N, C-alpha and C. Protein backbone atom coordinates (compact mmCIF):
# COMPACT_ATOMS: atom_id res chain seq x y z
N MET A 1 16.37 13.48 14.66
CA MET A 1 15.51 12.70 13.61
C MET A 1 15.63 13.66 12.50
N SER A 2 15.67 12.23 11.12
CA SER A 2 15.11 13.12 9.95
C SER A 2 14.22 12.96 9.54
N SER A 3 13.73 14.10 8.76
CA SER A 3 12.44 13.86 8.38
C SER A 3 12.01 13.61 7.07
N LYS A 4 11.90 12.61 6.03
CA LYS A 4 11.86 12.32 4.84
C LYS A 4 10.81 13.06 3.84
N LYS A 5 11.43 13.68 2.99
CA LYS A 5 10.16 14.59 2.30
C LYS A 5 9.63 13.40 1.21
N ILE A 6 8.55 13.45 1.35
CA ILE A 6 7.61 12.67 0.43
C ILE A 6 7.55 13.14 -0.70
N LEU A 7 7.82 12.42 -1.93
CA LEU A 7 8.16 13.00 -3.30
C LEU A 7 6.38 12.89 -4.06
N THR A 8 6.38 13.90 -4.88
CA THR A 8 5.26 13.70 -5.92
C THR A 8 5.14 12.99 -6.68
N GLU A 9 3.71 13.05 -7.03
CA GLU A 9 3.94 12.12 -8.74
C GLU A 9 4.86 13.03 -9.85
N THR A 10 4.31 13.88 -10.03
CA THR A 10 6.00 14.49 -10.84
C THR A 10 7.25 14.10 -10.73
N GLU A 11 7.42 14.62 -9.42
CA GLU A 11 9.02 14.41 -9.30
C GLU A 11 9.41 12.86 -9.36
N ILE A 12 8.52 11.93 -9.19
CA ILE A 12 8.74 10.55 -9.29
C ILE A 12 8.81 10.38 -10.90
N LEU A 13 7.87 10.80 -11.61
CA LEU A 13 7.98 10.68 -12.90
C LEU A 13 9.16 11.07 -13.75
N GLN A 14 9.62 11.96 -13.04
CA GLN A 14 10.68 13.06 -13.79
C GLN A 14 12.43 12.40 -13.26
N MET A 15 11.97 11.31 -12.61
CA MET A 15 13.54 10.57 -12.36
C MET A 15 13.72 9.75 -13.46
N ASP A 16 15.11 9.38 -13.42
CA ASP A 16 15.49 8.36 -14.43
C ASP A 16 15.50 7.12 -13.97
N GLU A 17 16.08 6.31 -15.11
CA GLU A 17 15.72 4.71 -15.08
C GLU A 17 16.79 4.28 -13.87
N GLN A 18 17.62 4.93 -13.92
CA GLN A 18 18.35 4.54 -12.87
C GLN A 18 17.68 4.47 -11.50
N SER A 19 16.97 5.43 -11.02
CA SER A 19 16.11 5.54 -9.80
C SER A 19 15.26 4.55 -9.53
N TYR A 20 14.63 3.91 -10.43
CA TYR A 20 13.52 3.23 -10.45
C TYR A 20 13.62 2.14 -9.50
N MET A 21 12.86 2.35 -8.78
CA MET A 21 11.97 1.58 -7.07
C MET A 21 13.31 1.81 -6.40
N ASN A 22 13.62 3.21 -6.20
CA ASN A 22 14.62 3.35 -4.79
C ASN A 22 13.83 3.83 -3.93
N GLU A 23 14.75 4.11 -2.74
CA GLU A 23 14.04 4.21 -1.45
C GLU A 23 12.70 5.21 -1.53
N ALA A 24 13.03 6.47 -2.20
CA ALA A 24 11.87 7.32 -2.16
C ALA A 24 10.68 7.09 -3.10
N GLN A 25 11.04 6.08 -4.04
CA GLN A 25 9.54 6.04 -4.77
C GLN A 25 9.23 4.80 -4.21
N LEU A 26 9.79 3.56 -3.28
CA LEU A 26 9.16 2.73 -2.57
C LEU A 26 8.31 3.50 -1.45
N GLU A 27 8.95 4.53 -0.87
CA GLU A 27 8.20 5.29 0.39
C GLU A 27 7.09 5.71 -0.48
N PHE A 28 7.19 6.27 -1.74
CA PHE A 28 5.62 7.21 -1.93
C PHE A 28 4.34 5.88 -2.32
N PHE A 29 4.75 4.81 -2.74
CA PHE A 29 3.98 3.67 -3.12
C PHE A 29 3.56 3.56 -1.99
N LYS A 30 4.30 2.93 -0.86
CA LYS A 30 3.75 1.90 0.72
C LYS A 30 2.79 3.53 0.89
N LEU A 31 3.06 4.51 1.08
CA LEU A 31 2.31 5.63 1.75
C LEU A 31 1.04 5.90 0.62
N ARG A 32 0.96 5.76 -0.75
CA ARG A 32 -0.15 5.37 -1.36
C ARG A 32 -1.31 4.08 -1.14
N LEU A 33 -0.31 3.13 -0.89
CA LEU A 33 -1.04 1.79 -0.78
C LEU A 33 -1.75 1.93 0.67
N GLN A 34 -1.26 2.60 1.60
CA GLN A 34 -1.45 2.34 2.76
C GLN A 34 -2.68 3.57 2.91
N GLN A 35 -2.97 4.50 2.28
CA GLN A 35 -4.09 5.20 2.45
C GLN A 35 -4.65 4.58 1.25
N LEU A 36 -5.11 3.85 0.29
CA LEU A 36 -5.94 3.34 -0.35
C LEU A 36 -6.67 2.09 0.83
N ARG A 37 -5.50 1.31 1.46
CA ARG A 37 -5.88 0.30 2.49
C ARG A 37 -6.88 1.01 3.33
N GLU A 38 -6.53 2.22 4.21
CA GLU A 38 -7.21 2.85 5.42
C GLU A 38 -8.72 3.09 4.46
N ASP A 39 -8.91 3.88 3.25
CA ASP A 39 -10.00 4.38 2.51
C ASP A 39 -10.69 3.23 2.42
N ILE A 40 -10.34 1.97 1.90
CA ILE A 40 -10.96 0.88 1.47
C ILE A 40 -11.88 0.41 3.22
N LEU A 41 -11.06 0.01 4.29
CA LEU A 41 -11.63 -0.21 5.37
C LEU A 41 -12.98 0.96 5.97
N LYS A 42 -12.17 2.04 5.68
CA LYS A 42 -13.23 3.24 5.94
C LYS A 42 -14.52 2.99 5.38
N ASN A 43 -14.82 2.59 4.03
CA ASN A 43 -15.76 2.36 3.74
C ASN A 43 -16.52 1.14 3.83
N ALA A 44 -16.02 0.23 4.51
CA ALA A 44 -16.53 -0.84 4.67
C ALA A 44 -16.90 -0.67 5.94
N ASP A 45 -16.69 0.09 6.98
CA ASP A 45 -17.30 0.19 8.05
C ASP A 45 -18.36 0.94 7.96
N LEU A 46 -18.32 2.23 6.95
CA LEU A 46 -19.73 3.11 6.63
C LEU A 46 -20.71 1.98 6.22
N THR A 47 -20.39 1.12 5.21
CA THR A 47 -21.50 0.41 4.75
C THR A 47 -22.07 -0.46 5.72
N THR A 48 -21.16 -0.88 7.04
CA THR A 48 -21.73 -2.05 7.88
C THR A 48 -22.66 -0.77 8.42
N GLU A 49 -22.35 0.58 8.96
CA GLU A 49 -22.97 1.30 9.54
C GLU A 49 -24.45 1.50 8.82
N HIS A 50 -24.35 1.81 7.68
CA HIS A 50 -25.30 1.87 6.76
C HIS A 50 -26.80 0.93 6.57
N LEU A 51 -25.99 -0.22 6.31
CA LEU A 51 -26.90 -1.36 6.50
C LEU A 51 -27.70 -1.87 7.80
N ARG A 52 -27.16 -1.46 8.97
CA ARG A 52 -27.73 -1.42 10.04
C ARG A 52 -28.74 -0.69 10.34
N GLU A 53 -28.59 0.62 10.03
CA GLU A 53 -29.81 1.92 10.05
C GLU A 53 -30.71 1.41 9.07
N THR A 54 -30.98 0.58 8.30
CA THR A 54 -32.07 0.56 7.21
C THR A 54 -33.62 0.81 8.08
N VAL A 55 -34.63 1.27 7.53
CA VAL A 55 -35.52 1.71 8.03
C VAL A 55 -36.59 0.66 7.22
N ILE A 56 -37.45 0.33 7.95
CA ILE A 56 -38.57 -0.56 7.31
C ILE A 56 -39.47 0.43 6.70
N VAL A 57 -39.56 0.39 5.27
CA VAL A 57 -40.64 1.20 4.25
C VAL A 57 -41.81 0.42 3.86
N PRO A 58 -43.04 1.16 4.06
CA PRO A 58 -43.91 0.09 3.79
C PRO A 58 -44.24 0.21 2.11
N ASP A 59 -43.76 1.14 1.23
CA ASP A 59 -43.82 1.33 0.58
C ASP A 59 -43.16 0.25 -0.88
N PRO A 60 -43.76 -0.56 -1.46
CA PRO A 60 -43.12 -1.56 -1.75
C PRO A 60 -41.97 -1.09 -3.39
N ALA A 61 -42.44 0.15 -3.76
CA ALA A 61 -41.30 0.69 -4.86
C ALA A 61 -40.31 1.29 -3.83
N ASP A 62 -40.40 1.67 -2.92
CA ASP A 62 -39.15 2.29 -2.26
C ASP A 62 -38.46 1.13 -1.74
N ARG A 63 -39.09 0.42 -1.26
CA ARG A 63 -38.25 -0.83 -0.33
C ARG A 63 -37.20 -1.45 -1.27
N ALA A 64 -37.59 -1.65 -2.49
CA ALA A 64 -37.24 -1.97 -3.72
C ALA A 64 -36.02 -1.22 -4.16
N THR A 65 -36.33 0.02 -4.35
CA THR A 65 -35.25 1.29 -4.11
C THR A 65 -34.02 0.85 -3.49
N ILE A 66 -34.48 0.71 -2.18
CA ILE A 66 -33.64 0.84 -1.23
C ILE A 66 -32.98 -0.79 -1.07
N GLU A 67 -33.57 -1.95 -1.39
CA GLU A 67 -32.57 -2.84 -1.66
C GLU A 67 -31.67 -3.09 -3.15
N GLU A 68 -32.32 -2.37 -3.99
CA GLU A 68 -31.01 -2.38 -5.12
C GLU A 68 -29.82 -1.55 -4.57
N GLU A 69 -30.24 -0.56 -3.96
CA GLU A 69 -29.21 0.37 -3.26
C GLU A 69 -28.03 -0.45 -2.60
N HIS A 70 -28.63 -1.43 -1.43
CA HIS A 70 -27.91 -1.81 -0.82
C HIS A 70 -27.14 -3.11 -1.64
N ALA A 71 -27.99 -3.62 -2.50
CA ALA A 71 -27.20 -4.76 -3.57
C ALA A 71 -26.05 -3.91 -4.33
N LEU A 72 -26.16 -2.93 -4.95
CA LEU A 72 -25.02 -2.39 -5.75
C LEU A 72 -23.67 -1.80 -4.23
N GLU A 73 -24.30 -1.21 -3.26
CA GLU A 73 -23.20 -1.28 -2.22
C GLU A 73 -22.51 -2.34 -1.91
N LEU A 74 -23.26 -3.36 -1.70
CA LEU A 74 -22.45 -4.81 -1.57
C LEU A 74 -21.53 -5.34 -2.53
N ARG A 75 -21.85 -4.97 -3.42
CA ARG A 75 -20.80 -5.62 -4.97
C ARG A 75 -19.61 -4.46 -4.77
N THR A 76 -19.99 -3.45 -4.76
CA THR A 76 -18.82 -2.48 -4.36
C THR A 76 -17.87 -3.07 -3.29
N ARG A 77 -18.52 -3.30 -2.18
CA ARG A 77 -17.47 -3.26 -1.29
C ARG A 77 -17.24 -4.79 -1.71
N ASP A 78 -17.35 -5.74 -2.34
CA ASP A 78 -16.99 -7.13 -2.55
C ASP A 78 -15.58 -6.70 -3.43
N ARG A 79 -16.05 -5.78 -4.55
CA ARG A 79 -14.95 -5.56 -5.58
C ARG A 79 -13.78 -4.93 -4.48
N GLU A 80 -13.97 -4.19 -3.76
CA GLU A 80 -13.00 -3.50 -2.54
C GLU A 80 -12.11 -4.47 -1.64
N ARG A 81 -12.87 -5.44 -1.20
CA ARG A 81 -12.43 -6.78 -0.27
C ARG A 81 -11.32 -7.27 -1.24
N LYS A 82 -11.69 -7.40 -2.65
CA LYS A 82 -10.47 -8.08 -3.68
C LYS A 82 -9.41 -6.96 -3.53
N LEU A 83 -9.36 -5.61 -3.88
CA LEU A 83 -8.65 -4.94 -4.13
C LEU A 83 -7.66 -4.72 -2.37
N LEU A 84 -8.81 -5.06 -1.55
CA LEU A 84 -7.97 -4.99 -0.21
C LEU A 84 -6.55 -5.63 -0.29
N LYS A 85 -7.27 -6.92 -0.79
CA LYS A 85 -6.33 -8.13 -0.49
C LYS A 85 -4.92 -7.97 -1.67
N LYS A 86 -5.06 -7.16 -2.63
CA LYS A 86 -4.13 -6.90 -3.60
C LYS A 86 -3.14 -5.87 -3.36
N VAL A 87 -3.94 -4.74 -2.05
CA VAL A 87 -3.17 -3.82 -1.46
C VAL A 87 -2.43 -4.68 -0.87
N GLU A 88 -2.61 -5.25 0.33
CA GLU A 88 -2.21 -6.37 1.13
C GLU A 88 -0.77 -7.12 0.46
N GLN A 89 -1.04 -7.60 -0.59
CA GLN A 89 0.04 -8.37 -1.19
C GLN A 89 0.82 -7.27 -1.93
N SER A 90 0.87 -6.40 -2.20
CA SER A 90 1.47 -5.16 -2.93
C SER A 90 2.38 -4.75 -1.65
N LEU A 91 1.99 -4.16 -0.64
CA LEU A 91 2.75 -3.82 0.71
C LEU A 91 3.90 -4.88 1.12
N VAL A 92 3.52 -6.29 0.98
CA VAL A 92 4.63 -7.34 1.36
C VAL A 92 5.67 -7.16 0.05
N ARG A 93 4.95 -7.16 -1.00
CA ARG A 93 6.20 -7.00 -2.23
C ARG A 93 7.05 -5.94 -2.11
N ILE A 94 6.74 -5.03 -1.37
CA ILE A 94 7.46 -3.52 -1.13
C ILE A 94 8.43 -4.05 0.08
N GLU A 95 8.08 -4.78 0.73
CA GLU A 95 8.97 -5.61 2.01
C GLU A 95 9.83 -6.28 1.33
N ASN A 96 9.55 -7.09 0.36
CA ASN A 96 10.51 -8.05 -0.06
C ASN A 96 11.25 -7.80 -1.16
N GLY A 97 11.06 -6.12 -1.61
CA GLY A 97 11.95 -6.04 -2.31
C GLY A 97 11.79 -6.54 -4.17
N GLU A 98 10.33 -7.12 -4.19
CA GLU A 98 9.81 -7.59 -5.51
C GLU A 98 8.77 -6.12 -6.00
N TYR A 99 8.80 -5.03 -5.27
CA TYR A 99 7.63 -4.57 -5.71
C TYR A 99 8.19 -3.61 -7.06
N GLY A 100 7.00 -3.22 -8.12
CA GLY A 100 7.74 -2.68 -9.16
C GLY A 100 8.23 -3.56 -10.27
N TRP A 101 8.22 -4.99 -10.12
CA TRP A 101 9.11 -5.65 -11.00
C TRP A 101 7.67 -6.68 -11.43
N CYS A 102 7.94 -6.99 -12.95
CA CYS A 102 6.67 -7.80 -13.37
C CYS A 102 6.72 -9.62 -12.47
N GLU A 103 5.78 -9.86 -12.62
CA GLU A 103 5.79 -11.24 -11.73
C GLU A 103 6.54 -12.18 -12.94
N GLU A 104 5.85 -11.78 -14.10
CA GLU A 104 6.15 -12.86 -15.20
C GLU A 104 7.11 -12.84 -16.25
N THR A 105 7.82 -11.52 -16.28
CA THR A 105 9.10 -11.34 -16.59
C THR A 105 10.16 -10.76 -16.03
N GLY A 106 10.09 -10.04 -14.69
CA GLY A 106 11.31 -9.70 -14.08
C GLY A 106 11.57 -8.30 -14.66
N GLU A 107 10.78 -7.81 -15.68
CA GLU A 107 11.22 -6.15 -15.88
C GLU A 107 10.27 -5.26 -15.29
N PRO A 108 10.86 -4.17 -15.01
CA PRO A 108 10.08 -3.07 -14.64
C PRO A 108 8.87 -2.80 -15.01
N ILE A 109 7.91 -2.89 -13.81
CA ILE A 109 6.36 -2.60 -14.67
C ILE A 109 6.02 -1.20 -14.94
N GLY A 110 7.03 -0.23 -14.24
CA GLY A 110 6.92 1.27 -15.26
C GLY A 110 6.53 1.96 -13.73
N VAL A 111 6.77 3.45 -13.84
CA VAL A 111 6.33 4.43 -12.86
C VAL A 111 4.83 5.06 -12.79
N GLN A 112 4.77 5.05 -14.55
CA GLN A 112 3.31 5.36 -14.73
C GLN A 112 2.45 4.34 -14.63
N ARG A 113 2.66 3.31 -14.90
CA ARG A 113 1.49 1.93 -14.57
C ARG A 113 1.33 1.90 -13.16
N LEU A 114 2.40 1.95 -12.18
CA LEU A 114 2.28 1.98 -10.58
C LEU A 114 1.71 3.05 -10.28
N ILE A 115 1.51 4.03 -11.13
CA ILE A 115 1.03 5.33 -10.52
C ILE A 115 -0.67 5.36 -10.49
N ALA A 116 -1.06 4.89 -11.77
CA ALA A 116 -2.23 4.78 -12.57
C ALA A 116 -3.07 3.37 -11.58
N ARG A 117 -1.90 2.35 -11.21
CA ARG A 117 -2.79 0.98 -10.74
C ARG A 117 -1.76 0.69 -9.60
N PRO A 118 -1.55 0.94 -8.47
CA PRO A 118 -0.54 0.72 -7.59
C PRO A 118 -0.15 -0.81 -6.98
N THR A 119 -1.52 -1.37 -7.36
CA THR A 119 -1.25 -2.93 -7.24
C THR A 119 -0.81 -3.80 -8.61
N ALA A 120 -0.27 -3.18 -9.56
CA ALA A 120 0.03 -4.18 -10.48
C ALA A 120 1.29 -4.81 -10.07
N THR A 121 0.98 -5.91 -10.70
CA THR A 121 1.98 -7.19 -10.60
C THR A 121 2.57 -7.45 -12.02
N LEU A 122 1.92 -6.81 -13.04
CA LEU A 122 2.80 -7.50 -14.23
C LEU A 122 2.70 -5.90 -15.05
N SER A 123 3.65 -6.03 -16.07
CA SER A 123 4.35 -4.80 -16.94
C SER A 123 3.13 -4.97 -18.18
N LEU A 124 2.86 -3.71 -18.24
CA LEU A 124 1.63 -3.67 -19.21
C LEU A 124 1.66 -4.76 -20.20
N GLU A 125 2.89 -5.01 -20.92
CA GLU A 125 2.87 -5.84 -22.07
C GLU A 125 2.32 -7.54 -21.45
N ALA A 126 2.69 -7.73 -20.54
CA ALA A 126 2.57 -9.13 -19.42
C ALA A 126 1.21 -9.14 -19.65
N GLN A 127 0.55 -7.63 -19.15
CA GLN A 127 -1.22 -7.92 -18.86
C GLN A 127 -1.85 -8.05 -20.38
N GLN A 128 -1.12 -7.68 -21.29
CA GLN A 128 -2.04 -7.65 -22.83
C GLN A 128 -1.80 -8.97 -22.96
N ARG A 129 -0.69 -9.50 -22.89
CA ARG A 129 -0.30 -11.29 -23.26
C ARG A 129 -1.50 -12.17 -22.69
N ARG A 130 -1.49 -11.64 -21.23
CA ARG A 130 -2.66 -12.41 -20.36
C ARG A 130 -3.98 -12.43 -20.61
N GLU A 131 -4.61 -11.24 -20.96
CA GLU A 131 -5.78 -10.69 -21.07
C GLU A 131 -6.15 -11.51 -22.71
N LEU A 132 -5.06 -11.28 -23.65
CA LEU A 132 -5.37 -12.03 -25.23
C LEU A 132 -5.24 -13.60 -24.64
N ARG A 133 -4.83 -14.08 -24.02
CA ARG A 133 -4.96 -15.68 -23.94
C ARG A 133 -5.93 -15.82 -23.02
N GLN A 134 -6.65 -14.97 -21.99
CA GLN A 134 -7.61 -15.21 -21.68
C GLN A 134 -8.96 -15.15 -22.58
N LYS A 135 -8.90 -14.17 -23.51
CA LYS A 135 -10.07 -13.94 -24.65
C LYS A 135 -9.75 -15.03 -25.67
N LEU A 136 -8.67 -15.52 -25.97
CA LEU A 136 -8.63 -16.72 -26.91
C LEU A 136 -8.80 -18.01 -26.22
N PHE A 137 -8.33 -18.23 -25.08
CA PHE A 137 -8.64 -19.89 -24.55
C PHE A 137 -9.64 -19.86 -23.05
N GLY A 138 -10.32 -18.67 -22.98
CA GLY A 138 -11.22 -18.74 -21.89
C GLY A 138 -10.24 -18.95 -20.26
N ASN A 139 -9.67 -18.91 -20.07
CA ASN A 139 -8.74 -18.50 -18.63
C ASN A 139 -7.53 -19.26 -19.15
């Protein structure tokens, strides 16, 4: 049974362009995405527990503070739910051999960008063009 060595960020960043999205890089990103998914699911469970444990507080100011904390926590979980969908899509892209390649141009997204944002589906240039279009035309 062979055990694969998982590369570090530094090792991946040092690889040449011909190594882009090779088996070792894909394995690195797959594990990173799986860990991110696990963390999001764990946070969702903690939020559910936390909201169930709520104690009735007679003081209106304390109650307002608790309600605001809950609202903030729920907004955070909503963002994480959206991120979870992107994580799942990224894992499918790895399986399909599409991960790391820009959906718009077909060019490499780049290892640095994927390390910073493992769910990226656009190269930096394509993302900037999309954001500019949204700013100019409102969608």
